C-alpha atoms as a PDB file:
ATOM      1  CA  MET A   1       0.054   0.075   0.016  1.00  0.00           C
ATOM      2  CA  ASP A   2       1.294   3.396  -0.837  1.00  0.00           C
ATOM      3  CA  ARG A   3       2.339   5.573   2.059  1.00  0.00           C
ATOM      4  CA  ALA A   4      -0.154   8.161   1.372  1.00  0.00           C
ATOM      5  CA  ASP A   5      -2.975   5.609   1.256  1.00  0.00           C
ATOM      6  CA  GLU A   6      -1.501   4.357   4.889  1.00  0.00           C
ATOM      7  CA  ASP A   7      -1.762   7.861   5.881  1.00  0.00           C
ATOM      8  CA  LYS A   8      -5.437   8.289   4.957  1.00  0.00           C
ATOM      9  CA  LEU A   9      -6.187   5.003   7.058  1.00  0.00           C
ATOM     10  CA  ARG A  10      -4.375   6.235   9.897  1.00  0.00           C
ATOM     11  CA  LYS A  11      -5.666   9.900  10.004  1.00  0.00           C
ATOM     12  CA  ASN A  12      -9.226   8.366   9.832  1.00  0.00           C
ATOM     13  CA  HIS A  13      -8.677   5.491  12.014  1.00  0.00           C
ATOM     14  CA  VAL A  14     -11.070   6.724  14.695  1.00  0.00           C
ATOM     15  CA  GLU A  15     -14.039   7.536  12.457  1.00  0.00           C
ATOM     16  CA  LEU A  16     -13.197   4.342  10.575  1.00  0.00           C
ATOM     17  CA  SER A  17     -13.123   2.034  13.756  1.00  0.00           C
ATOM     18  CA  LYS A  18     -16.419   3.556  14.960  1.00  0.00           C
ATOM     19  CA  SER A  19     -18.285   3.735  11.730  1.00  0.00           C
ATOM     20  CA  LEU A  20     -17.270   0.865   9.678  1.00  0.00           C
ATOM     21  CA  GLN A  21     -19.798  -1.990   9.435  1.00  0.00           C
ATOM     22  CA  VAL A  22     -18.046  -4.944   8.147  1.00  0.00           C
ATOM     23  CA  ASP A  23     -20.694  -6.629   6.080  1.00  0.00           C
ATOM     24  CA  GLU A  24     -20.452  -9.501   3.377  1.00  0.00           C
ATOM     25  CA  GLU A  25     -20.202  -7.039   0.643  1.00  0.00           C
ATOM     26  CA  ILE A  26     -17.097  -5.755   1.971  1.00  0.00           C
ATOM     27  CA  LEU A  27     -15.581  -9.180   2.893  1.00  0.00           C
ATOM     28  CA  ASP A  28     -16.628 -10.568  -0.496  1.00  0.00           C
ATOM     29  CA  THR A  29     -15.226  -7.996  -2.619  1.00  0.00           C
ATOM     30  CA  LEU A  30     -11.792  -7.871  -0.705  1.00  0.00           C
ATOM     31  CA  PHE A  31     -11.588 -11.644  -1.267  1.00  0.00           C
ATOM     32  CA  GLN A  32     -12.673 -11.515  -4.897  1.00  0.00           C
ATOM     33  CA  GLU A  33      -9.578  -8.640  -5.186  1.00  0.00           C
ATOM     34  CA  GLY A  34      -7.301 -10.745  -3.725  1.00  0.00           C
ATOM     35  CA  ILE A  35      -6.773  -8.604  -0.531  1.00  0.00           C
ATOM     36  CA  VAL A  36      -8.030 -11.084   2.018  1.00  0.00           C
ATOM     37  CA  ASN A  37      -8.146 -14.934   2.142  1.00  0.00           C
ATOM     38  CA  GLN A  38     -10.613 -17.452   3.808  1.00  0.00           C
ATOM     39  CA  ASP A  39      -8.313 -17.442   6.948  1.00  0.00           C
ATOM     40  CA  ASP A  40      -8.637 -13.407   7.501  1.00  0.00           C
ATOM     41  CA  ILE A  41     -12.544 -13.485   6.776  1.00  0.00           C
ATOM     42  CA  PHE A  42     -12.909 -16.097   9.600  1.00  0.00           C
ATOM     43  CA  ARG A  43     -10.528 -13.950  11.861  1.00  0.00           C
ATOM     44  CA  VAL A  44     -12.630 -10.822  11.122  1.00  0.00           C
ATOM     45  CA  LYS A  45     -16.098 -12.753  11.633  1.00  0.00           C
ATOM     46  CA  ASN A  46     -15.272 -14.715  14.644  1.00  0.00           C
ATOM     47  CA  LEU A  47     -13.971 -12.661  17.465  1.00  0.00           C
ATOM     48  CA  PRO A  48     -13.339 -14.026  20.874  1.00  0.00           C
ATOM     49  CA  SER A  49     -16.710 -14.589  22.892  1.00  0.00           C
ATOM     50  CA  GLY A  50     -17.457 -11.565  25.084  1.00  0.00           C
ATOM     51  CA  ALA A  51     -15.867  -8.850  22.961  1.00  0.00           C
ATOM     52  CA  PRO A  52     -17.224  -5.597  24.377  1.00  0.00           C
ATOM     53  CA  ARG A  53     -17.830  -3.919  20.778  1.00  0.00           C
ATOM     54  CA  PRO A  54     -17.968  -6.778  18.153  1.00  0.00           C
ATOM     55  CA  THR A  55     -18.549  -4.187  15.082  1.00  0.00           C
ATOM     56  CA  ARG A  56     -15.576  -2.066  16.364  1.00  0.00           C
ATOM     57  CA  ALA A  57     -13.387  -5.049  17.117  1.00  0.00           C
ATOM     58  CA  GLN A  58     -14.225  -6.467  13.484  1.00  0.00           C
ATOM     59  CA  ALA A  59     -13.519  -3.074  12.034  1.00  0.00           C
ATOM     60  CA  ASN A  60      -9.955  -2.682  13.855  1.00  0.00           C
ATOM     61  CA  THR A  61      -9.264  -6.284  12.636  1.00  0.00           C
ATOM     62  CA  LEU A  62      -9.833  -5.738   9.117  1.00  0.00           C
ATOM     63  CA  LEU A  63      -8.084  -2.103   9.407  1.00  0.00           C
ATOM     64  CA  GLY A  64      -4.996  -3.949  10.699  1.00  0.00           C
ATOM     65  CA  LEU A  65      -4.991  -6.383   7.705  1.00  0.00           C
ATOM     66  CA  LEU A  66      -5.018  -3.778   5.009  1.00  0.00           C
ATOM     67  CA  PRO A  67      -1.630  -2.137   5.071  1.00  0.00           C
ATOM     68  CA  GLY A  68       0.239  -5.071   4.450  1.00  0.00           C
ATOM     69  CA  ARG A  69      -1.828  -6.498   1.617  1.00  0.00           C
ATOM     70  CA  GLY A  70      -0.047  -4.907  -1.319  1.00  0.00           C
ATOM     71  CA  ARG A  71      -0.208  -1.901  -3.565  1.00  0.00           C
ATOM     72  CA  THR A  72      -4.004  -2.377  -4.630  1.00  0.00           C
ATOM     73  CA  ALA A  73      -5.155  -2.779  -1.038  1.00  0.00           C
ATOM     74  CA  PHE A  74      -6.458   0.639  -0.582  1.00  0.00           C
ATOM     75  CA  GLN A  75      -8.321   0.990  -3.797  1.00  0.00           C
ATOM     76  CA  ALA A  76      -9.852  -2.497  -3.384  1.00  0.00           C
ATOM     77  CA  PHE A  77     -11.158  -1.213   0.142  1.00  0.00           C
ATOM     78  CA  LEU A  78     -12.673   1.785  -1.417  1.00  0.00           C
ATOM     79  CA  LYS A  79     -14.267  -0.530  -3.943  1.00  0.00           C
ATOM     80  CA  ALA A  80     -15.634  -2.737  -1.201  1.00  0.00           C
ATOM     81  CA  LEU A  81     -16.825   0.317   0.567  1.00  0.00           C
ATOM     82  CA  LYS A  82     -18.949   1.407  -2.342  1.00  0.00           C
ATOM     83  CA  ALA A  83     -20.002  -2.069  -2.793  1.00  0.00           C
ATOM     84  CA  SER A  84     -21.673  -2.175   0.625  1.00  0.00           C
ATOM     85  CA  ARG A  85     -25.288  -1.597   0.973  1.00  0.00           C
ATOM     86  CA  LEU A  86     -24.880   0.172   3.930  1.00  0.00           C
ATOM     87  CA  SER A  87     -25.080   4.133   3.927  1.00  0.00           C
ATOM     88  CA  CYS A  88     -22.251   4.352   6.636  1.00  0.00           C
ATOM     89  CA  ASN A  89     -19.767   2.600   4.572  1.00  0.00           C
ATOM     90  CA  LYS A  90     -20.687   4.568   1.604  1.00  0.00           C
ATOM     91  CA  ASP A  91     -19.893   7.619   3.666  1.00  0.00           C
ATOM     92  CA  LEU A  92     -16.540   6.399   4.680  1.00  0.00           C
ATOM     93  CA  GLU A  93     -15.747   5.702   1.123  1.00  0.00           C
ATOM     94  CA  HIS A  94     -16.511   9.154   0.371  1.00  0.00           C
ATOM     95  CA  LEU A  95     -14.305  10.553   3.411  1.00  0.00           C
ATOM     96  CA  LEU A  96     -11.435   8.344   2.302  1.00  0.00           C
ATOM     97  CA  ARG A  97     -11.458   9.591  -1.300  1.00  0.00           C
ATOM     98  CA  THR A  98     -12.134  13.063  -0.868  1.00  0.00           C
ATOM     99  CA  GLY A  99     -10.989  13.901   2.644  1.00  0.00           C
ATOM    100  CA  ARG A 100     -14.644  15.384   3.566  1.00  0.00           C
ATOM    101  CA  HIS A 101     -17.828  13.831   4.958  1.00  0.00           C
ATOM    102  CA  MET A 102     -20.459  13.479   2.557  1.00  0.00           C
ATOM    103  CA  PRO A 103     -23.053  16.382   2.590  1.00  0.00           C
ATOM    104  CA  GLN A 104     -26.217  15.397   4.528  1.00  0.00           C
ATOM    105  CA  ASP A 105     -29.812  16.164   3.386  1.00  0.00           C
ATOM    106  CA  GLY A 106     -30.218  19.885   2.999  1.00  0.00           C
ATOM    107  CA  GLU A 107     -26.727  20.780   2.665  1.00  0.00           C
ATOM    108  CA  GLU A 108     -24.891  21.818  -0.600  1.00  0.00           C
ATOM    109  CA  ASN A 109     -23.804  18.721  -2.756  1.00  0.00           C
ATOM    110  CA  GLY A 110     -20.399  20.243  -3.571  1.00  0.00           C
ATOM    111  CA  GLY A 111     -21.049  20.548  -7.240  1.00  0.00           C
ATOM    112  CA  ALA A 112     -21.615  16.931  -7.692  1.00  0.00           C
ATOM    113  CA  ALA A 113     -25.032  17.470  -9.502  1.00  0.00           C
ATOM    114  CA  THR A 114     -23.891  20.321 -11.373  1.00  0.00           C
ATOM    115  CA  GLY A 115     -20.780  19.063 -12.578  1.00  0.00           C
ATOM    116  CA  ALA A 116     -18.671  21.812 -10.990  1.00  0.00           C
ATOM    117  CA  PRO A 117     -15.450  21.027  -9.543  1.00  0.00           C
ATOM    118  CA  ARG A 118     -15.258  20.138  -5.845  1.00  0.00           C
ATOM    119  CA  GLU A 119     -13.220  22.445  -3.787  1.00  0.00           C
ATOM    120  CA  GLU A 120     -10.545  20.699  -1.395  1.00  0.00           C
ATOM    121  CA  ALA A 121     -11.279  20.799   2.363  1.00  0.00           C
ATOM    122  CA  ARG A 122     -10.247  24.190   4.159  1.00  0.00           C
ATOM    123  CA  SER A 123      -9.443  24.607   7.865  1.00  0.00           C
ATOM    124  CA  PRO A 124     -11.552  26.831   9.687  1.00  0.00           C
ATOM    125  CA  GLN A 125      -9.020  29.491   9.621  1.00  0.00           C
ATOM    126  CA  GLN A 126      -8.840  29.289   5.751  1.00  0.00           C
ATOM    127  CA  GLU A 127     -12.480  29.326   5.463  1.00  0.00           C
ATOM    128  CA  SER A 128     -12.916  32.647   7.418  1.00  0.00           C
ATOM    129  CA  GLU A 129      -9.985  34.246   5.218  1.00  0.00           C
ATOM    130  CA  VAL A 130     -11.836  33.298   2.216  1.00  0.00           C
ATOM    131  CA  VAL A 131     -15.030  34.513   3.513  1.00  0.00           C
ATOM    132  CA  ALA A 132     -13.450  37.951   4.744  1.00  0.00           C
ATOM    133  CA  ALA A 133     -11.498  38.353   1.284  1.00  0.00           C
ATOM    134  CA  ALA A 134     -14.788  37.844  -0.433  1.00  0.00           C
ATOM    135  CA  ALA A 135     -17.106  39.896   1.672  1.00  0.00           C
ATOM    136  CA  PRO A 136     -17.564  43.581   0.762  1.00  0.00           C
ATOM    137  CA  THR A 137     -16.340  46.020   3.676  1.00  0.00           C
ATOM    138  CA  ALA A 138     -19.034  48.359   5.054  1.00  0.00           C
ATOM    139  CA  ASP A 139     -18.480  50.353   7.746  1.00  0.00           C
ATOM    140  CA  VAL A 140     -21.404  49.195  10.008  1.00  0.00           C
ATOM    141  CA  GLY A 141     -21.421  50.346  13.509  1.00  0.00           C
ATOM    142  CA  HIS A 142     -18.082  52.055  13.932  1.00  0.00           C
ATOM    143  CA  ASP A 143     -18.419  54.427  17.074  1.00  0.00           C
ATOM    144  CA  GLY A 144     -15.151  56.243  16.973  1.00  0.00           C
ATOM    145  CA  ASP A 145     -12.985  53.664  18.995  1.00  0.00           C
ATOM    146  CA  ASP A 146      -9.667  52.309  17.484  1.00  0.00           C
ATOM    147  CA  ARG A 147     -10.938  49.167  16.449  1.00  0.00           C
ATOM    148  CA  PRO A 148     -11.372  48.692  12.607  1.00  0.00           C
ATOM    149  CA  PRO A 149     -14.919  48.316  11.377  1.00  0.00           C
ATOM    150  CA  ILE A 150     -16.907  45.391  11.356  1.00  0.00           C
ATOM    151  CA  ARG A 151     -17.599  43.761   7.880  1.00  0.00           C
ATOM    152  CA  GLU A 152     -21.005  42.637   7.306  1.00  0.00           C
ATOM    153  CA  SER A 153     -19.855  39.243   6.826  1.00  0.00           C
ATOM    154  CA  GLU A 154     -18.526  39.180  10.481  1.00  0.00           C
ATOM    155  CA  GLN A 155     -21.522  40.479  12.349  1.00  0.00           C
ATOM    156  CA  GLY A 156     -23.450  37.318  12.263  1.00  0.00           C
ATOM    157  CA  ARG A 157     -20.556  35.182  13.045  1.00  0.00           C
ATOM    158  CA  ASN A 158     -19.173  37.408  15.904  1.00  0.00           C
ATOM    159  CA  ALA A 159     -22.494  37.800  17.601  1.00  0.00           C
ATOM    160  CA  GLY A 160     -22.360  33.921  18.180  1.00  0.00           C
ATOM    161  CA  HIS A 161     -19.223  34.136  20.314  1.00  0.00           C
ATOM    162  CA  PHE A 162     -20.990  36.363  22.992  1.00  0.00           C
ATOM    163  CA  LEU A 163     -23.490  33.599  23.308  1.00  0.00           C
ATOM    164  CA  GLN A 164     -21.020  30.802  24.242  1.00  0.00           C
END
């Protein structure tokens, strides 16, 4: 597995171990792709009795196998997640492929339906810099003190800080 792909698994390990549901489609796809064998499938499915969180233990067992399974293991894992009938696994596939969670109902679709290119994920600081750069500056409520005027785009955002 490429180092970049290993890094994606490592950086998203907590989310993967909490949300991954190891279903038959995932195991069958990984078996078909030659990533896991019958012994691996048995090990993932049959955990020691009394495991406190069997689905999380299954996820961790599978995630532990992947890095040592060759160059195509990550792409096969993405294919397996996509083949899964469970929406949580499809969400994880999207997260690993794009670095972002899938938009929920009512959120923007990131340009998927319009054909517009998707933007890379931004940190909160980068996002505020983009908003600040794009917002028109208006002198709103400047009362003669030495502070710079508040931009219209910052008024609503800053108001929430006083409530926290």
